PDB file of N, CA and C in Angstrom:
ATOM      1  N   MET A   1       0.836  -1.177   0.000  1.00  0.00           N
ATOM      2  CA  MET A   1       0.000   0.000   0.000  1.00  0.00           C
ATOM      3  C   MET A   1       0.887   1.249   0.000  1.00  0.00           C
ATOM      4  N   LYS A   2       0.581   2.191  -0.860  1.00  0.00           N
ATOM      5  CA  LYS A   2       1.389   3.404  -0.970  1.00  0.00           C
ATOM      6  C   LYS A   2       1.031   4.407   0.124  1.00  0.00           C
ATOM      7  N   ILE A   3       2.015   5.213   0.479  1.00  0.00           N
ATOM      8  CA  ILE A   3       1.823   6.286   1.453  1.00  0.00           C
ATOM      9  C   ILE A   3       1.430   7.534   0.662  1.00  0.00           C
ATOM     10  N   LYS A   4       0.231   8.044   0.940  1.00  0.00           N
ATOM     11  CA  LYS A   4      -0.254   9.225   0.233  1.00  0.00           C
ATOM     12  C   LYS A   4       0.223  10.484   0.954  1.00  0.00           C
ATOM     13  N   VAL A   5       0.869  11.365   0.201  1.00  0.00           N
ATOM     14  CA  VAL A   5       1.444  12.592   0.752  1.00  0.00           C
ATOM     15  C   VAL A   5       0.783  13.798   0.090  1.00  0.00           C
ATOM     16  N   SER A   6       0.259  14.709   0.929  1.00  0.00           N
ATOM     17  CA  SER A   6      -0.272  15.986   0.457  1.00  0.00           C
ATOM     18  C   SER A   6       0.598  17.099   1.016  1.00  0.00           C
ATOM     19  N   ILE A   7       0.427  18.312   0.481  1.00  0.00           N
ATOM     20  CA  ILE A   7       1.276  19.420   0.914  1.00  0.00           C
ATOM     21  C   ILE A   7       0.497  20.735   0.901  1.00  0.00           C
ATOM     22  N   ILE A   8       0.801  21.570   1.888  1.00  0.00           N
ATOM     23  CA  ILE A   8       0.355  22.961   1.896  1.00  0.00           C
ATOM     24  C   ILE A   8       1.618  23.806   1.992  1.00  0.00           C
ATOM     25  N   GLU A   9       1.952  24.439   0.884  1.00  0.00           N
ATOM     26  CA  GLU A   9       3.206  25.209   0.747  1.00  0.00           C
ATOM     27  C   GLU A   9       2.954  26.329  -0.254  1.00  0.00           C
ATOM     28  N   ASP A  10       3.267  27.563   0.123  1.00  0.00           N
ATOM     29  CA  ASP A  10       2.968  28.690  -0.756  1.00  0.00           C
ATOM     30  C   ASP A  10       4.008  28.933  -1.850  1.00  0.00           C
ATOM     31  N   ASN A  11       5.198  28.391  -1.720  1.00  0.00           N
ATOM     32  CA  ASN A  11       6.219  28.545  -2.753  1.00  0.00           C
ATOM     33  C   ASN A  11       5.976  27.468  -3.814  1.00  0.00           C
ATOM     34  N   ILE A  12       5.359  27.868  -4.913  1.00  0.00           N
ATOM     35  CA  ILE A  12       4.934  26.911  -5.934  1.00  0.00           C
ATOM     36  C   ILE A  12       6.092  26.120  -6.532  1.00  0.00           C
ATOM     37  N   MET A  13       7.235  26.767  -6.744  1.00  0.00           N
ATOM     38  CA  MET A  13       8.391  26.060  -7.320  1.00  0.00           C
ATOM     39  C   MET A  13       8.886  24.976  -6.363  1.00  0.00           C
ATOM     40  N   PHE A  14       9.003  25.324  -5.084  1.00  0.00           N
ATOM     41  CA  PHE A  14       9.440  24.351  -4.088  1.00  0.00           C
ATOM     42  C   PHE A  14       8.412  23.224  -3.974  1.00  0.00           C
ATOM     43  N   ARG A  15       7.130  23.595  -3.893  1.00  0.00           N
ATOM     44  CA  ARG A  15       6.048  22.611  -3.735  1.00  0.00           C
ATOM     45  C   ARG A  15       6.044  21.621  -4.886  1.00  0.00           C
ATOM     46  N   GLU A  16       6.047  22.128  -6.110  1.00  0.00           N
ATOM     47  CA  GLU A  16       5.977  21.232  -7.267  1.00  0.00           C
ATOM     48  C   GLU A  16       7.233  20.382  -7.412  1.00  0.00           C
ATOM     49  N   GLY A  17       8.391  20.979  -7.161  1.00  0.00           N
ATOM     50  CA  GLY A  17       9.642  20.214  -7.253  1.00  0.00           C
ATOM     51  C   GLY A  17       9.705  19.103  -6.227  1.00  0.00           C
ATOM     52  N   LEU A  18       9.322  19.410  -5.001  1.00  0.00           N
ATOM     53  CA  LEU A  18       9.342  18.402  -3.943  1.00  0.00           C
ATOM     54  C   LEU A  18       8.353  17.279  -4.227  1.00  0.00           C
ATOM     55  N   MET A  19       7.144  17.633  -4.623  1.00  0.00           N
ATOM     56  CA  MET A  19       6.136  16.600  -4.877  1.00  0.00           C
ATOM     57  C   MET A  19       6.518  15.740  -6.077  1.00  0.00           C
ATOM     58  N   ARG A  20       7.140  16.342  -7.061  1.00  0.00           N
ATOM     59  CA  ARG A  20       7.615  15.571  -8.212  1.00  0.00           C
ATOM     60  C   ARG A  20       8.691  14.571  -7.747  1.00  0.00           C
ATOM     61  N   PHE A  21       9.607  15.042  -6.911  1.00  0.00           N
ATOM     62  CA  PHE A  21      10.674  14.171  -6.404  1.00  0.00           C
ATOM     63  C   PHE A  21      10.087  13.037  -5.566  1.00  0.00           C
ATOM     64  N   ILE A  22       9.151  13.349  -4.698  1.00  0.00           N
ATOM     65  CA  ILE A  22       8.504  12.315  -3.877  1.00  0.00           C
ATOM     66  C   ILE A  22       7.811  11.299  -4.777  1.00  0.00           C
ATOM     67  N   GLY A  23       7.174  11.783  -5.833  1.00  0.00           N
ATOM     68  CA  GLY A  23       6.452  10.902  -6.758  1.00  0.00           C
ATOM     69  C   GLY A  23       7.336   9.929  -7.511  1.00  0.00           C
ATOM     70  N   PHE A  24       8.639  10.202  -7.591  1.00  0.00           N
ATOM     71  CA  PHE A  24       9.565   9.280  -8.243  1.00  0.00           C
ATOM     72  C   PHE A  24       9.783   8.003  -7.433  1.00  0.00           C
ATOM     73  N   HIS A  25       9.361   8.013  -6.187  1.00  0.00           N
ATOM     74  CA  HIS A  25       9.559   6.862  -5.304  1.00  0.00           C
ATOM     75  C   HIS A  25       8.281   6.037  -5.255  1.00  0.00           C
ATOM     76  N   ASP A  26       8.423   4.744  -5.555  1.00  0.00           N
ATOM     77  CA  ASP A  26       7.271   3.858  -5.717  1.00  0.00           C
ATOM     78  C   ASP A  26       6.378   3.741  -4.491  1.00  0.00           C
ATOM     79  N   GLU A  27       6.923   3.935  -3.313  1.00  0.00           N
ATOM     80  CA  GLU A  27       6.118   3.726  -2.107  1.00  0.00           C
ATOM     81  C   GLU A  27       5.201   4.908  -1.780  1.00  0.00           C
ATOM     82  N   PHE A  28       5.316   6.005  -2.562  1.00  0.00           N
ATOM     83  CA  PHE A  28       4.514   7.195  -2.300  1.00  0.00           C
ATOM     84  C   PHE A  28       3.502   7.454  -3.404  1.00  0.00           C
ATOM     85  N   GLU A  29       2.374   7.993  -3.002  1.00  0.00           N
ATOM     86  CA  GLU A  29       1.340   8.477  -3.914  1.00  0.00           C
ATOM     87  C   GLU A  29       1.172   9.971  -3.637  1.00  0.00           C
ATOM     88  N   ILE A  30       1.078  10.764  -4.671  1.00  0.00           N
ATOM     89  CA  ILE A  30       0.938  12.214  -4.512  1.00  0.00           C
ATOM     90  C   ILE A  30      -0.530  12.547  -4.290  1.00  0.00           C
ATOM     91  N   GLY A  31      -0.780  13.297  -3.231  1.00  0.00           N
ATOM     92  CA  GLY A  31      -2.133  13.734  -2.908  1.00  0.00           C
ATOM     93  C   GLY A  31      -2.353  15.169  -3.341  1.00  0.00           C
ATOM     94  N   ALA A  32      -3.161  15.865  -2.579  1.00  0.00           N
ATOM     95  CA  ALA A  32      -3.535  17.248  -2.887  1.00  0.00           C
ATOM     96  C   ALA A  32      -2.383  18.206  -2.622  1.00  0.00           C
ATOM     97  N   GLN A  33      -2.376  19.303  -3.374  1.00  0.00           N
ATOM     98  CA  GLN A  33      -1.363  20.347  -3.219  1.00  0.00           C
ATOM     99  C   GLN A  33      -2.072  21.688  -3.123  1.00  0.00           C
ATOM    100  N   PHE A  34      -1.745  22.440  -2.083  1.00  0.00           N
ATOM    101  CA  PHE A  34      -2.366  23.737  -1.857  1.00  0.00           C
ATOM    102  C   PHE A  34      -1.305  24.778  -1.529  1.00  0.00           C
ATOM    103  N   GLY A  35      -1.611  26.043  -1.817  1.00  0.00           N
ATOM    104  CA  GLY A  35      -0.711  27.144  -1.515  1.00  0.00           C
ATOM    105  C   GLY A  35      -1.053  27.855  -0.219  1.00  0.00           C
ATOM    106  N   ALA A  36      -2.165  27.461   0.412  1.00  0.00           N
ATOM    107  CA  ALA A  36      -2.591  28.072   1.673  1.00  0.00           C
ATOM    108  C   ALA A  36      -3.534  27.105   2.386  1.00  0.00           C
ATOM    109  N   VAL A  37      -3.769  27.369   3.652  1.00  0.00           N
ATOM    110  CA  VAL A  37      -4.610  26.492   4.470  1.00  0.00           C
ATOM    111  C   VAL A  37      -6.090  26.619   4.102  1.00  0.00           C
ATOM    112  N   ALA A  38      -6.559  27.846   3.853  1.00  0.00           N
ATOM    113  CA  ALA A  38      -7.992  28.067   3.589  1.00  0.00           C
ATOM    114  C   ALA A  38      -8.531  27.184   2.459  1.00  0.00           C
ATOM    115  N   PRO A  39      -7.868  27.100   1.295  1.00  0.00           N
ATOM    116  CA  PRO A  39      -8.389  26.214   0.242  1.00  0.00           C
ATOM    117  C   PRO A  39      -8.415  24.740   0.663  1.00  0.00           C
ATOM    118  N   PHE A  40      -7.417  24.322   1.445  1.00  0.00           N
ATOM    119  CA  PHE A  40      -7.399  22.946   1.956  1.00  0.00           C
ATOM    120  C   PHE A  40      -8.624  22.694   2.820  1.00  0.00           C
ATOM    121  N   LEU A  41      -8.902  23.594   3.753  1.00  0.00           N
ATOM    122  CA  LEU A  41     -10.045  23.421   4.648  1.00  0.00           C
ATOM    123  C   LEU A  41     -11.366  23.522   3.888  1.00  0.00           C
ATOM    124  N   GLN A  42     -11.438  24.407   2.896  1.00  0.00           N
ATOM    125  CA  GLN A  42     -12.660  24.525   2.097  1.00  0.00           C
ATOM    126  C   GLN A  42     -12.925  23.246   1.324  1.00  0.00           C
ATOM    127  N   LYS A  43     -11.898  22.688   0.725  1.00  0.00           N
ATOM    128  CA  LYS A  43     -12.074  21.453  -0.029  1.00  0.00           C
ATOM    129  C   LYS A  43     -12.447  20.307   0.905  1.00  0.00           C
ATOM    130  N   SER A  44     -11.873  20.284   2.102  1.00  0.00           N
ATOM    131  CA  SER A  44     -12.188  19.203   3.030  1.00  0.00           C
ATOM    132  C   SER A  44     -13.633  19.283   3.511  1.00  0.00           C
ATOM    133  N   ASN A  45     -14.239  20.463   3.482  1.00  0.00           N
ATOM    134  CA  ASN A  45     -15.647  20.589   3.833  1.00  0.00           C
ATOM    135  C   ASN A  45     -16.556  20.076   2.721  1.00  0.00           C
ATOM    136  N   ILE A  46     -16.077  20.112   1.489  1.00  0.00           N
ATOM    137  CA  ILE A  46     -16.855  19.647   0.341  1.00  0.00           C
ATOM    138  C   ILE A  46     -16.673  18.147   0.141  1.00  0.00           C
ATOM    139  N   ILE A  47     -15.428  17.710   0.198  1.00  0.00           N
ATOM    140  CA  ILE A  47     -15.101  16.293  -0.021  1.00  0.00           C
ATOM    141  C   ILE A  47     -14.668  15.714   1.310  1.00  0.00           C
ATOM    142  N   ASN A  48     -15.470  14.849   1.856  1.00  0.00           N
ATOM    143  CA  ASN A  48     -15.202  14.312   3.187  1.00  0.00           C
ATOM    144  C   ASN A  48     -14.426  13.002   3.102  1.00  0.00           C
ATOM    145  N   ASP A  49     -13.207  13.063   2.604  1.00  0.00           N
ATOM    146  CA  ASP A  49     -12.348  11.886   2.644  1.00  0.00           C
ATOM    147  C   ASP A  49     -10.968  12.286   3.136  1.00  0.00           C
ATOM    148  N   ILE A  50     -10.194  11.312   3.505  1.00  0.00           N
ATOM    149  CA  ILE A  50      -8.870  11.575   4.057  1.00  0.00           C
ATOM    150  C   ILE A  50      -7.949  12.022   2.922  1.00  0.00           C
ATOM    151  N   PRO A  51      -7.354  13.218   3.052  1.00  0.00           N
ATOM    152  CA  PRO A  51      -6.544  13.747   1.956  1.00  0.00           C
ATOM    153  C   PRO A  51      -5.198  13.045   1.779  1.00  0.00           C
ATOM    154  N   ALA A  52      -4.729  12.362   2.806  1.00  0.00           N
ATOM    155  CA  ALA A  52      -3.407  11.731   2.737  1.00  0.00           C
ATOM    156  C   ALA A  52      -3.125  11.006   4.046  1.00  0.00           C
ATOM    157  N   SER A  53      -2.016  10.276   4.058  1.00  0.00           N
ATOM    158  CA  SER A  53      -1.484   9.711   5.298  1.00  0.00           C
ATOM    159  C   SER A  53      -0.600  10.744   5.983  1.00  0.00           C
ATOM    160  N   ILE A  54       0.105  11.518   5.146  1.00  0.00           N
ATOM    161  CA  ILE A  54       1.029  12.541   5.643  1.00  0.00           C
ATOM    162  C   ILE A  54       0.698  13.867   4.971  1.00  0.00           C
ATOM    163  N   LEU A  55       0.667  14.921   5.770  1.00  0.00           N
ATOM    164  CA  LEU A  55       0.510  16.273   5.246  1.00  0.00           C
ATOM    165  C   LEU A  55       1.774  17.052   5.565  1.00  0.00           C
ATOM    166  N   LEU A  56       2.474  17.492   4.522  1.00  0.00           N
ATOM    167  CA  LEU A  56       3.610  18.396   4.698  1.00  0.00           C
ATOM    168  C   LEU A  56       3.032  19.793   4.809  1.00  0.00           C
ATOM    169  N   LEU A  57       3.344  20.481   5.884  1.00  0.00           N
ATOM    170  CA  LEU A  57       2.714  21.769   6.182  1.00  0.00           C
ATOM    171  C   LEU A  57       3.765  22.824   6.476  1.00  0.00           C
ATOM    172  N   ASP A  58       3.732  23.895   5.706  1.00  0.00           N
ATOM    173  CA  ASP A  58       4.620  25.032   5.941  1.00  0.00           C
ATOM    174  C   ASP A  58       4.051  25.854   7.095  1.00  0.00           C
ATOM    175  N   ILE A  59       4.884  26.643   7.742  1.00  0.00           N
ATOM    176  CA  ILE A  59       4.416  27.519   8.819  1.00  0.00           C
ATOM    177  C   ILE A  59       4.036  28.882   8.264  1.00  0.00           C
ATOM    178  N   GLY A  60       4.935  29.514   7.515  1.00  0.00           N
ATOM    179  CA  GLY A  60       4.706  30.858   7.005  1.00  0.00           C
ATOM    180  C   GLY A  60       3.857  30.844   5.755  1.00  0.00           C
ATOM    181  N   LEU A  61       2.552  30.834   5.932  1.00  0.00           N
ATOM    182  CA  LEU A  61       1.619  30.766   4.816  1.00  0.00           C
ATOM    183  C   LEU A  61       0.755  32.023   4.769  1.00  0.00           C
ATOM    184  N   PRO A  62       0.228  32.370   3.597  1.00  0.00           N
ATOM    185  CA  PRO A  62      -0.706  33.494   3.541  1.00  0.00           C
ATOM    186  C   PRO A  62      -1.995  33.138   4.285  1.00  0.00           C
ATOM    187  N   GLY A  63      -2.560  34.107   4.980  1.00  0.00           N
ATOM    188  CA  GLY A  63      -3.783  33.844   5.745  1.00  0.00           C
ATOM    189  C   GLY A  63      -3.448  33.167   7.056  1.00  0.00           C
ATOM    190  N   ILE A  64      -3.945  31.977   7.232  1.00  0.00           N
ATOM    191  CA  ILE A  64      -3.739  31.198   8.457  1.00  0.00           C
ATOM    192  C   ILE A  64      -2.354  30.564   8.433  1.00  0.00           C
ATOM    193  N   SER A  65      -1.599  30.726   9.513  1.00  0.00           N
ATOM    194  CA  SER A  65      -0.279  30.092   9.571  1.00  0.00           C
ATOM    195  C   SER A  65      -0.441  28.576   9.731  1.00  0.00           C
ATOM    196  N   GLY A  66       0.597  27.860   9.361  1.00  0.00           N
ATOM    197  CA  GLY A  66       0.563  26.408   9.519  1.00  0.00           C
ATOM    198  C   GLY A  66       0.343  25.987  10.954  1.00  0.00           C
ATOM    199  N   ILE A  67       0.990  26.653  11.899  1.00  0.00           N
ATOM    200  CA  ILE A  67       0.830  26.298  13.310  1.00  0.00           C
ATOM    201  C   ILE A  67      -0.609  26.532  13.767  1.00  0.00           C
ATOM    202  N   ASP A  68      -1.177  27.673  13.384  1.00  0.00           N
ATOM    203  CA  ASP A  68      -2.549  27.978  13.792  1.00  0.00           C
ATOM    204  C   ASP A  68      -3.561  27.024  13.157  1.00  0.00           C
ATOM    205  N   ALA A  69      -3.214  26.448  12.021  1.00  0.00           N
ATOM    206  CA  ALA A  69      -4.130  25.548  11.312  1.00  0.00           C
ATOM    207  C   ALA A  69      -4.114  24.124  11.843  1.00  0.00           C
ATOM    208  N   ILE A  70      -3.080  23.737  12.552  1.00  0.00           N
ATOM    209  CA  ILE A  70      -2.953  22.349  12.998  1.00  0.00           C
ATOM    210  C   ILE A  70      -4.199  21.856  13.743  1.00  0.00           C
ATOM    211  N   PRO A  71      -4.716  22.572  14.753  1.00  0.00           N
ATOM    212  CA  PRO A  71      -5.902  22.062  15.465  1.00  0.00           C
ATOM    213  C   PRO A  71      -7.110  21.847  14.544  1.00  0.00           C
ATOM    214  N   ALA A  72      -7.366  22.762  13.619  1.00  0.00           N
ATOM    215  CA  ALA A  72      -8.506  22.615  12.709  1.00  0.00           C
ATOM    216  C   ALA A  72      -8.319  21.417  11.775  1.00  0.00           C
ATOM    217  N   ILE A  73      -7.104  21.232  11.297  1.00  0.00           N
ATOM    218  CA  ILE A  73      -6.824  20.102  10.405  1.00  0.00           C
ATOM    219  C   ILE A  73      -6.986  18.784  11.160  1.00  0.00           C
ATOM    220  N   LEU A  74      -6.417  18.703  12.358  1.00  0.00           N
ATOM    221  CA  LEU A  74      -6.520  17.463  13.130  1.00  0.00           C
ATOM    222  C   LEU A  74      -7.933  17.212  13.636  1.00  0.00           C
ATOM    223  N   ASN A  75      -8.711  18.263  13.832  1.00  0.00           N
ATOM    224  CA  ASN A  75     -10.109  18.089  14.225  1.00  0.00           C
ATOM    225  C   ASN A  75     -10.882  17.387  13.107  1.00  0.00           C
ATOM    226  N   LYS A  76     -10.584  17.758  11.879  1.00  0.00           N
ATOM    227  CA  LYS A  76     -11.232  17.154  10.710  1.00  0.00           C
ATOM    228  C   LYS A  76     -10.641  15.784  10.378  1.00  0.00           C
ATOM    229  N   TYR A  77      -9.309  15.649  10.517  1.00  0.00           N
ATOM    230  CA  TYR A  77      -8.601  14.412  10.163  1.00  0.00           C
ATOM    231  C   TYR A  77      -7.671  14.001  11.302  1.00  0.00           C
ATOM    232  N   PRO A  78      -8.199  13.439  12.386  1.00  0.00           N
ATOM    233  CA  PRO A  78      -7.352  13.126  13.545  1.00  0.00           C
ATOM    234  C   PRO A  78      -6.258  12.087  13.264  1.00  0.00           C
ATOM    235  N   GLU A  79      -6.435  11.284  12.236  1.00  0.00           N
ATOM    236  CA  GLU A  79      -5.452  10.246  11.918  1.00  0.00           C
ATOM    237  C   GLU A  79      -4.335  10.750  10.996  1.00  0.00           C
ATOM    238  N   LEU A  80      -4.432  11.986  10.548  1.00  0.00           N
ATOM    239  CA  LEU A  80      -3.443  12.557   9.630  1.00  0.00           C
ATOM    240  C   LEU A  80      -2.137  12.861  10.358  1.00  0.00           C
ATOM    241  N   ASN A  81      -1.026  12.468   9.772  1.00  0.00           N
ATOM    242  CA  ASN A  81       0.296  12.786  10.307  1.00  0.00           C
ATOM    243  C   ASN A  81       0.768  14.090   9.687  1.00  0.00           C
ATOM    244  N   ILE A  82       0.896  15.119  10.504  1.00  0.00           N
ATOM    245  CA  ILE A  82       1.331  16.420  10.014  1.00  0.00           C
ATOM    246  C   ILE A  82       2.822  16.585  10.262  1.00  0.00           C
ATOM    247  N   VAL A  83       3.546  16.807   9.187  1.00  0.00           N
ATOM    248  CA  VAL A  83       4.981  17.046   9.253  1.00  0.00           C
ATOM    249  C   VAL A  83       5.216  18.500   8.847  1.00  0.00           C
ATOM    250  N   MET A  84       5.732  19.276   9.767  1.00  0.00           N
ATOM    251  CA  MET A  84       6.041  20.670   9.471  1.00  0.00           C
ATOM    252  C   MET A  84       7.290  20.701   8.592  1.00  0.00           C
ATOM    253  N   LEU A  85       7.196  21.392   7.470  1.00  0.00           N
ATOM    254  CA  LEU A  85       8.325  21.529   6.554  1.00  0.00           C
ATOM    255  C   LEU A  85       8.491  23.021   6.306  1.00  0.00           C
ATOM    256  N   THR A  86       9.489  23.605   6.928  1.00  0.00           N
ATOM    257  CA  THR A  86       9.571  25.060   6.943  1.00  0.00           C
ATOM    258  C   THR A  86      10.999  25.558   7.088  1.00  0.00           C
ATOM    259  N   SER A  87      11.170  26.819   6.815  1.00  0.00           N
ATOM    260  CA  SER A  87      12.485  27.437   6.988  1.00  0.00           C
ATOM    261  C   SER A  87      12.681  27.952   8.413  1.00  0.00           C
ATOM    262  N   TYR A  88      11.609  27.999   9.203  1.00  0.00           N
ATOM    263  CA  TYR A  88      11.733  28.419  10.598  1.00  0.00           C
ATOM    264  C   TYR A  88      12.461  27.333  11.385  1.00  0.00           C
ATOM    265  N   GLU A  89      13.491  27.718  12.118  1.00  0.00           N
ATOM    266  CA  GLU A  89      14.255  26.732  12.875  1.00  0.00           C
ATOM    267  C   GLU A  89      14.404  27.118  14.340  1.00  0.00           C
ATOM    268  N   GLU A  90      13.632  28.134  14.772  1.00  0.00           N
ATOM    269  CA  GLU A  90      13.704  28.560  16.161  1.00  0.00           C
ATOM    270  C   GLU A  90      13.049  27.517  17.059  1.00  0.00           C
ATOM    271  N   GLU A  91      13.687  27.241  18.174  1.00  0.00           N
ATOM    272  CA  GLU A  91      13.238  26.206  19.093  1.00  0.00           C
ATOM    273  C   GLU A  91      11.803  26.413  19.565  1.00  0.00           C
ATOM    274  N   ASP A  92      11.442  27.665  19.882  1.00  0.00           N
ATOM    275  CA  ASP A  92      10.095  27.922  20.394  1.00  0.00           C
ATOM    276  C   ASP A  92       9.032  27.659  19.326  1.00  0.00           C
ATOM    277  N   ILE A  93       9.335  27.921  18.070  1.00  0.00           N
ATOM    278  CA  ILE A  93       8.384  27.661  16.987  1.00  0.00           C
ATOM    279  C   ILE A  93       8.235  26.156  16.772  1.00  0.00           C
ATOM    280  N   ILE A  94       9.346  25.438  16.800  1.00  0.00           N
ATOM    281  CA  ILE A  94       9.302  23.980  16.660  1.00  0.00           C
ATOM    282  C   ILE A  94       8.468  23.372  17.788  1.00  0.00           C
ATOM    283  N   LEU A  95       8.724  23.814  19.008  1.00  0.00           N
ATOM    284  CA  LEU A  95       7.987  23.304  20.163  1.00  0.00           C
ATOM    285  C   LEU A  95       6.501  23.611  20.038  1.00  0.00           C
ATOM    286  N   LYS A  96       6.154  24.809  19.606  1.00  0.00           N
ATOM    287  CA  LYS A  96       4.748  25.184  19.444  1.00  0.00           C
ATOM    288  C   LYS A  96       4.068  24.293  18.400  1.00  0.00           C
ATOM    289  N   ALA A  97       4.754  24.016  17.299  1.00  0.00           N
ATOM    290  CA  ALA A  97       4.190  23.152  16.254  1.00  0.00           C
ATOM    291  C   ALA A  97       3.961  21.742  16.782  1.00  0.00           C
ATOM    292  N   LEU A  98       4.929  21.208  17.494  1.00  0.00           N
ATOM    293  CA  LEU A  98       4.796  19.853  18.036  1.00  0.00           C
ATOM    294  C   LEU A  98       3.729  19.786  19.115  1.00  0.00           C
ATOM    295  N   CYS A  99       3.657  20.808  19.963  1.00  0.00           N
ATOM    296  CA  CYS A  99       2.633  20.845  21.009  1.00  0.00           C
ATOM    297  C   CYS A  99       1.234  21.036  20.423  1.00  0.00           C
ATOM    298  N   SER A 100       1.147  21.627  19.247  1.00  0.00           N
ATOM    299  CA  SER A 100      -0.145  21.825  18.591  1.00  0.00           C
ATOM    300  C   SER A 100      -0.640  20.558  17.905  1.00  0.00           C
ATOM    301  N   GLY A 101       0.241  19.563  17.748  1.00  0.00           N
ATOM    302  CA  GLY A 101      -0.193  18.292  17.181  1.00  0.00           C
ATOM    303  C   GLY A 101       0.599  17.785  15.999  1.00  0.00           C
ATOM    304  N   ALA A 102       1.581  18.546  15.526  1.00  0.00           N
ATOM    305  CA  ALA A 102       2.435  18.037  14.450  1.00  0.00           C
ATOM    306  C   ALA A 102       3.223  16.847  14.979  1.00  0.00           C
ATOM    307  N   CYS A 103       3.452  15.855  14.123  1.00  0.00           N
ATOM    308  CA  CYS A 103       4.176  14.665  14.581  1.00  0.00           C
ATOM    309  C   CYS A 103       5.674  14.766  14.322  1.00  0.00           C
ATOM    310  N   SER A 104       6.064  15.713  13.452  1.00  0.00           N
ATOM    311  CA  SER A 104       7.473  15.847  13.122  1.00  0.00           C
ATOM    312  C   SER A 104       7.726  17.234  12.546  1.00  0.00           C
ATOM    313  N   TYR A 105       9.017  17.533  12.415  1.00  0.00           N
ATOM    314  CA  TYR A 105       9.432  18.857  11.953  1.00  0.00           C
ATOM    315  C   TYR A 105      10.665  18.690  11.083  1.00  0.00           C
ATOM    316  N   LEU A 106      10.610  19.233   9.861  1.00  0.00           N
ATOM    317  CA  LEU A 106      11.748  19.170   8.955  1.00  0.00           C
ATOM    318  C   LEU A 106      12.102  20.566   8.464  1.00  0.00           C
ATOM    319  N   SER A 107      13.371  20.831   8.365  1.00  0.00           N
ATOM    320  CA  SER A 107      13.847  22.101   7.836  1.00  0.00           C
ATOM    321  C   SER A 107      13.912  22.024   6.312  1.00  0.00           C
ATOM    322  N   LYS A 108      13.532  23.100   5.648  1.00  0.00           N
ATOM    323  CA  LYS A 108      13.644  23.154   4.193  1.00  0.00           C
ATOM    324  C   LYS A 108      15.096  23.157   3.738  1.00  0.00           C
ATOM    325  N   SER A 109      16.012  23.334   4.665  1.00  0.00           N
ATOM    326  CA  SER A 109      17.422  23.357   4.287  1.00  0.00           C
ATOM    327  C   SER A 109      17.988  21.953   4.065  1.00  0.00           C
ATOM    328  N   VAL A 110      17.247  20.908   4.451  1.00  0.00           N
ATOM    329  CA  VAL A 110      17.732  19.559   4.215  1.00  0.00           C
ATOM    330  C   VAL A 110      17.486  19.180   2.752  1.00  0.00           C
ATOM    331  N   SER A 111      18.167  18.167   2.270  1.00  0.00           N
ATOM    332  CA  SER A 111      18.013  17.750   0.879  1.00  0.00           C
ATOM    333  C   SER A 111      16.668  17.038   0.682  1.00  0.00           C
ATOM    334  N   MET A 112      16.250  16.958  -0.558  1.00  0.00           N
ATOM    335  CA  MET A 112      15.011  16.247  -0.864  1.00  0.00           C
ATOM    336  C   MET A 112      15.122  14.772  -0.510  1.00  0.00           C
ATOM    337  N   LYS A 113      16.308  14.214  -0.666  1.00  0.00           N
ATOM    338  CA  LYS A 113      16.533  12.814  -0.266  1.00  0.00           C
ATOM    339  C   LYS A 113      16.275  12.631   1.223  1.00  0.00           C
ATOM    340  N   GLU A 114      16.704  13.610   2.029  1.00  0.00           N
ATOM    341  CA  GLU A 114      16.494  13.536   3.474  1.00  0.00           C
ATOM    342  C   GLU A 114      15.009  13.677   3.814  1.00  0.00           C
ATOM    343  N   ILE A 115      14.303  14.496   3.064  1.00  0.00           N
ATOM    344  CA  ILE A 115      12.856  14.640   3.289  1.00  0.00           C
ATOM    345  C   ILE A 115      12.159  13.317   3.012  1.00  0.00           C
ATOM    346  N   VAL A 116      12.479  12.689   1.901  1.00  0.00           N
ATOM    347  CA  VAL A 116      11.884  11.396   1.555  1.00  0.00           C
ATOM    348  C   VAL A 116      12.227  10.341   2.603  1.00  0.00           C
ATOM    349  N   SER A 117      13.464  10.339   3.052  1.00  0.00           N
ATOM    350  CA  SER A 117      13.881   9.401   4.096  1.00  0.00           C
ATOM    351  C   SER A 117      13.073   9.606   5.367  1.00  0.00           C
ATOM    352  N   ALA A 118      12.835  10.862   5.737  1.00  0.00           N
ATOM    353  CA  ALA A 118      12.046  11.154   6.934  1.00  0.00           C
ATOM    354  C   ALA A 118      10.603  10.720   6.766  1.00  0.00           C
ATOM    355  N   LEU A 119      10.053  10.842   5.564  1.00  0.00           N
ATOM    356  CA  LEU A 119       8.682  10.415   5.319  1.00  0.00           C
ATOM    357  C   LEU A 119       8.518   8.907   5.442  1.00  0.00           C
ATOM    358  N   ARG A 120       9.565   8.195   5.107  1.00  0.00           N
ATOM    359  CA  ARG A 120       9.520   6.729   5.218  1.00  0.00           C
ATOM    360  C   ARG A 120       9.429   6.337   6.682  1.00  0.00           C
TER     361      ARG A 120
END
């Protein structure tokens, strides 16, 4: 069974490149891709199915921040594994994301190979 990965990331070049790279690996299936939290939540209200096994979530997003969105996302999809993927590396931000319900935290400064390894 493939691991379905979705992403909320506002940098379209980074988002598309990363998802393309993840898609090259047989054990992954590419899910939904959004540039902000609001469209993700709107679509989840229309289509009531699980968007993925893993959601890669940026923190610095237009509108609702990734950290602020975690409770709403987990309320709708409690079984979803949220992995923060962001350029923020401050300890207090990482702790806030994990305390809000994210299961992991990855820096955008790591290689795509390292991101895929962490998803496994």
